[in-house]
C-alpha atoms as a PDB file:
ATOM      1  CA  MET A   1      27.037  -7.148 -19.046  1.00  0.00           C
ATOM      2  CA  LYS A   2      23.998  -8.373 -17.142  1.00  0.00           C
ATOM      3  CA  ILE A   3      23.507  -7.389 -13.534  1.00  0.00           C
ATOM      4  CA  GLN A   4      20.876  -9.151 -11.501  1.00  0.00           C
ATOM      5  CA  ILE A   5      18.755  -6.761  -9.444  1.00  0.00           C
ATOM      6  CA  LYS A   6      16.952  -8.486  -6.605  1.00  0.00           C
ATOM      7  CA  SER A   7      15.958  -5.514  -4.468  1.00  0.00           C
ATOM      8  CA  VAL A   8      15.382  -1.782  -4.413  1.00  0.00           C
ATOM      9  CA  ALA A   9      18.747  -1.467  -2.663  1.00  0.00           C
ATOM     10  CA  ASP A  10      20.454  -3.274  -5.578  1.00  0.00           C
ATOM     11  CA  LEU A  11      18.859  -0.862  -8.038  1.00  0.00           C
ATOM     12  CA  GLY A  12      19.978   2.090  -5.956  1.00  0.00           C
ATOM     13  CA  MET A  13      23.576   0.896  -5.745  1.00  0.00           C
ATOM     14  CA  LEU A  14      23.675   0.368  -9.498  1.00  0.00           C
ATOM     15  CA  ALA A  15      22.160   3.791 -10.209  1.00  0.00           C
ATOM     16  CA  ARG A  16      24.603   5.543  -7.906  1.00  0.00           C
ATOM     17  CA  ALA A  17      27.648   3.638  -9.189  1.00  0.00           C
ATOM     18  CA  THR A  18      26.674   4.387 -12.784  1.00  0.00           C
ATOM     19  CA  ARG A  19      26.161   8.085 -12.037  1.00  0.00           C
ATOM     20  CA  ASN A  20      29.455   8.345 -10.147  1.00  0.00           C
ATOM     21  CA  SER A  21      31.437   6.482 -12.800  1.00  0.00           C
ATOM     22  CA  ASN A  22      30.193   9.020 -15.341  1.00  0.00           C
ATOM     23  CA  HIS A  23      31.093  11.943 -13.046  1.00  0.00           C
ATOM     24  CA  LEU A  24      27.516  13.250 -12.979  1.00  0.00           C
ATOM     25  CA  ARG A  25      25.781  15.175 -10.226  1.00  0.00           C
ATOM     26  CA  LEU A  26      22.543  13.832  -8.797  1.00  0.00           C
ATOM     27  CA  ASP A  27      20.561  16.944  -9.695  1.00  0.00           C
ATOM     28  CA  ASP A  28      21.803  16.811 -13.293  1.00  0.00           C
ATOM     29  CA  VAL A  29      20.720  13.181 -13.696  1.00  0.00           C
ATOM     30  CA  ALA A  30      17.365  13.899 -12.056  1.00  0.00           C
ATOM     31  CA  GLY A  31      16.753  16.863 -14.349  1.00  0.00           C
ATOM     32  CA  SER A  32      17.663  14.857 -17.438  1.00  0.00           C
ATOM     33  CA  ALA A  33      15.087  12.228 -16.453  1.00  0.00           C
ATOM     34  CA  ASN A  34      12.448  14.824 -15.542  1.00  0.00           C
ATOM     35  CA  LEU A  35      12.594  13.702 -11.916  1.00  0.00           C
ATOM     36  CA  GLY A  36      13.093  15.636  -8.743  1.00  0.00           C
ATOM     37  CA  PRO A  37      16.470  15.353  -7.040  1.00  0.00           C
ATOM     38  CA  VAL A  38      14.826  14.076  -3.845  1.00  0.00           C
ATOM     39  CA  PHE A  39      13.189  11.214  -5.758  1.00  0.00           C
ATOM     40  CA  ALA A  40      16.446  10.391  -7.545  1.00  0.00           C
ATOM     41  CA  GLY A  41      18.244  10.381  -4.189  1.00  0.00           C
ATOM     42  CA  ASP A  42      15.600   8.093  -2.714  1.00  0.00           C
ATOM     43  CA  VAL A  43      16.177   5.656  -5.575  1.00  0.00           C
ATOM     44  CA  GLU A  44      19.937   5.703  -5.002  1.00  0.00           C
ATOM     45  CA  HIS A  45      19.475   5.102  -1.285  1.00  0.00           C
ATOM     46  CA  GLY A  46      17.190   2.130  -1.929  1.00  0.00           C
ATOM     47  CA  LYS A  47      14.203   3.682  -0.236  1.00  0.00           C
ATOM     48  CA  GLU A  48      11.509   1.008  -0.196  1.00  0.00           C
ATOM     49  CA  ILE A  49       8.588   3.351  -0.880  1.00  0.00           C
ATOM     50  CA  VAL A  50       9.985   4.614  -4.188  1.00  0.00           C
ATOM     51  CA  GLN A  51       7.501   4.063  -7.004  1.00  0.00           C
ATOM     52  CA  LEU A  52       9.642   1.961  -9.306  1.00  0.00           C
ATOM     53  CA  GLY A  53       7.184   2.367 -12.173  1.00  0.00           C
ATOM     54  CA  VAL A  54       8.325   5.987 -12.430  1.00  0.00           C
ATOM     55  CA  CYS A  55      11.931   4.822 -12.876  1.00  0.00           C
ATOM     56  CA  PHE A  56      11.058   2.541 -15.772  1.00  0.00           C
ATOM     57  CA  ASP A  57       8.598   4.882 -17.484  1.00  0.00           C
ATOM     58  CA  ARG A  58      11.252   7.520 -18.126  1.00  0.00           C
END
């Protein structure tokens, strides 16, 4: 399935929905990706200043 992501908010909603559908905690996902939980939360909330390169480099 292809999902079109047009904004940081779209990416955040997809990340959160995927995490929730897999019954995962935010800190567990962040740790698995070698990210801090605050950064992972910022991504999920669509925070505009998130460095998206970090998301794709992991």
